[in-house]
Amino acid sequence: MNKTELISVVADNAGLSKKDTERVLGAALDAITAALVRGEKVQLSGFGTFEAKDRKARIGRNPHTREAIDIPATRVPAFSPSRALKETVGK
């Protein structure tokens, strides 16, 4: 399912127009992104938790040349599903 399909399904289920649903979904994603940039966790009960995690700097290898490559430290988004979501998907 892509973003357009998600907007269509949510619009049908909520009884809203696709244009309104697209604005709401966009605002929600922008709010989640802004919170992650600030280093905050976003917890959605029954769904899961979004957070930004720090990765340490490390040395990797170019698979073609076996040359060592320095990989810098970075922050990456992460998602942890809730127990309810895991159980629902696992059925």
C-alpha atoms as a PDB file:
ATOM      1  CA  MET A   1       0.000   0.000   0.000  1.00  0.00           C
ATOM      2  CA  ASN A   2       1.386   3.385  -0.938  1.00  0.00           C
ATOM      3  CA  LYS A   3       0.460   6.841   0.375  1.00  0.00           C
ATOM      4  CA  THR A   4      -2.265   7.426  -2.235  1.00  0.00           C
ATOM      5  CA  GLU A   5      -3.925   4.091  -1.450  1.00  0.00           C
ATOM      6  CA  LEU A   6      -3.697   4.796   2.283  1.00  0.00           C
ATOM      7  CA  ILE A   7      -5.379   8.182   1.799  1.00  0.00           C
ATOM      8  CA  SER A   8      -8.194   6.535  -0.175  1.00  0.00           C
ATOM      9  CA  VAL A   9      -8.816   3.866   2.470  1.00  0.00           C
ATOM     10  CA  VAL A  10      -8.744   6.338   5.363  1.00  0.00           C
ATOM     11  CA  ALA A  11     -11.006   8.780   3.512  1.00  0.00           C
ATOM     12  CA  ASP A  12     -13.557   6.021   2.840  1.00  0.00           C
ATOM     13  CA  ASN A  13     -13.445   4.722   6.439  1.00  0.00           C
ATOM     14  CA  ALA A  14     -13.670   8.185   8.022  1.00  0.00           C
ATOM     15  CA  GLY A  15     -16.197   9.635   5.602  1.00  0.00           C
ATOM     16  CA  LEU A  16     -13.900  12.511   4.688  1.00  0.00           C
ATOM     17  CA  SER A  17     -12.800  13.848   1.338  1.00  0.00           C
ATOM     18  CA  LYS A  18      -9.482  12.645  -0.026  1.00  0.00           C
ATOM     19  CA  LYS A  19      -8.160  16.209  -0.001  1.00  0.00           C
ATOM     20  CA  ASP A  20      -8.957  16.648   3.727  1.00  0.00           C
ATOM     21  CA  THR A  21      -7.539  13.231   4.522  1.00  0.00           C
ATOM     22  CA  GLU A  22      -4.330  14.045   2.652  1.00  0.00           C
ATOM     23  CA  ARG A  23      -3.907  17.257   4.694  1.00  0.00           C
ATOM     24  CA  VAL A  24      -4.535  15.404   7.975  1.00  0.00           C
ATOM     25  CA  LEU A  25      -2.126  12.597   7.096  1.00  0.00           C
ATOM     26  CA  GLY A  26       0.505  15.101   5.968  1.00  0.00           C
ATOM     27  CA  ALA A  27       0.144  17.083   9.201  1.00  0.00           C
ATOM     28  CA  ALA A  28       0.436  13.904  11.286  1.00  0.00           C
ATOM     29  CA  LEU A  29       3.582  12.782   9.450  1.00  0.00           C
ATOM     30  CA  ASP A  30       5.085  16.279   9.760  1.00  0.00           C
ATOM     31  CA  ALA A  31       4.393  16.280  13.520  1.00  0.00           C
ATOM     32  CA  ILE A  32       6.018  12.847  13.941  1.00  0.00           C
ATOM     33  CA  THR A  33       9.046  13.933  11.907  1.00  0.00           C
ATOM     34  CA  ALA A  34       9.448  17.174  13.889  1.00  0.00           C
ATOM     35  CA  ALA A  35       9.276  15.274  17.188  1.00  0.00           C
ATOM     36  CA  LEU A  36      11.957  12.822  16.015  1.00  0.00           C
ATOM     37  CA  VAL A  37      14.207  15.698  14.933  1.00  0.00           C
ATOM     38  CA  ARG A  38      13.875  17.139  18.458  1.00  0.00           C
ATOM     39  CA  GLY A  39      14.852  13.741  19.907  1.00  0.00           C
ATOM     40  CA  GLU A  40      11.412  12.959  21.313  1.00  0.00           C
ATOM     41  CA  LYS A  41       9.572   9.637  21.209  1.00  0.00           C
ATOM     42  CA  VAL A  42       6.144   9.418  19.615  1.00  0.00           C
ATOM     43  CA  GLN A  43       3.972   6.715  21.200  1.00  0.00           C
ATOM     44  CA  LEU A  44       0.717   5.682  19.554  1.00  0.00           C
ATOM     45  CA  SER A  45      -1.166   3.366  21.917  1.00  0.00           C
ATOM     46  CA  GLY A  46      -2.045   0.083  20.284  1.00  0.00           C
ATOM     47  CA  PHE A  47       0.223   0.789  17.306  1.00  0.00           C
ATOM     48  CA  GLY A  48       3.814   1.426  18.365  1.00  0.00           C
ATOM     49  CA  THR A  49       6.581   3.880  19.146  1.00  0.00           C
ATOM     50  CA  PHE A  50       8.669   6.003  16.793  1.00  0.00           C
ATOM     51  CA  GLU A  51      12.037   7.255  18.045  1.00  0.00           C
ATOM     52  CA  ALA A  52      15.390   8.502  16.776  1.00  0.00           C
ATOM     53  CA  LYS A  53      18.350   6.293  17.669  1.00  0.00           C
ATOM     54  CA  ASP A  54      22.030   7.154  17.514  1.00  0.00           C
ATOM     55  CA  ARG A  55      24.366   4.890  15.557  1.00  0.00           C
ATOM     56  CA  LYS A  56      28.023   4.906  16.523  1.00  0.00           C
ATOM     57  CA  ALA A  57      30.764   5.544  14.014  1.00  0.00           C
ATOM     58  CA  ARG A  58      32.225   2.331  12.681  1.00  0.00           C
ATOM     59  CA  ILE A  59      34.488   0.904  10.048  1.00  0.00           C
ATOM     60  CA  GLY A  60      32.880  -0.915   7.146  1.00  0.00           C
ATOM     61  CA  ARG A  61      34.275  -2.716   4.134  1.00  0.00           C
ATOM     62  CA  ASN A  62      33.740  -2.117   0.441  1.00  0.00           C
ATOM     63  CA  PRO A  63      32.551  -5.581  -0.710  1.00  0.00           C
ATOM     64  CA  HIS A  64      34.253  -5.253  -4.106  1.00  0.00           C
ATOM     65  CA  THR A  65      37.687  -4.045  -3.028  1.00  0.00           C
ATOM     66  CA  ARG A  66      37.701  -5.077   0.656  1.00  0.00           C
ATOM     67  CA  GLU A  67      38.936  -1.554   1.380  1.00  0.00           C
ATOM     68  CA  ALA A  68      38.118  -0.176   4.855  1.00  0.00           C
ATOM     69  CA  ILE A  69      35.576   2.663   4.865  1.00  0.00           C
ATOM     70  CA  ASP A  70      34.880   5.018   7.772  1.00  0.00           C
ATOM     71  CA  ILE A  71      31.132   5.202   8.403  1.00  0.00           C
ATOM     72  CA  PRO A  72      30.302   8.302  10.472  1.00  0.00           C
ATOM     73  CA  ALA A  73      27.960   8.397  13.464  1.00  0.00           C
ATOM     74  CA  THR A  74      24.380   9.265  12.574  1.00  0.00           C
ATOM     75  CA  ARG A  75      20.824   9.395  13.894  1.00  0.00           C
ATOM     76  CA  VAL A  76      18.247   7.097  12.324  1.00  0.00           C
ATOM     77  CA  PRO A  77      14.482   6.779  12.812  1.00  0.00           C
ATOM     78  CA  ALA A  78      13.257   3.542  14.368  1.00  0.00           C
ATOM     79  CA  PHE A  79       9.845   1.990  14.952  1.00  0.00           C
ATOM     80  CA  SER A  80       8.898  -0.508  17.647  1.00  0.00           C
ATOM     81  CA  PRO A  81       5.483  -2.102  17.172  1.00  0.00           C
ATOM     82  CA  SER A  82       3.185  -2.473  20.177  1.00  0.00           C
ATOM     83  CA  ARG A  83       2.253  -5.884  21.521  1.00  0.00           C
ATOM     84  CA  ALA A  84      -1.301  -5.443  20.200  1.00  0.00           C
ATOM     85  CA  LEU A  85      -0.018  -4.746  16.670  1.00  0.00           C
ATOM     86  CA  LYS A  86       2.335  -7.753  16.822  1.00  0.00           C
ATOM     87  CA  GLU A  87      -0.506 -10.012  17.936  1.00  0.00           C
ATOM     88  CA  THR A  88      -2.883  -8.723  15.269  1.00  0.00           C
ATOM     89  CA  VAL A  89      -0.363  -9.142  12.456  1.00  0.00           C
ATOM     90  CA  GLY A  90       0.757 -12.531  13.763  1.00  0.00           C
ATOM     91  CA  LYS A  91      -2.715 -14.088  13.497  1.00  0.00           C
END
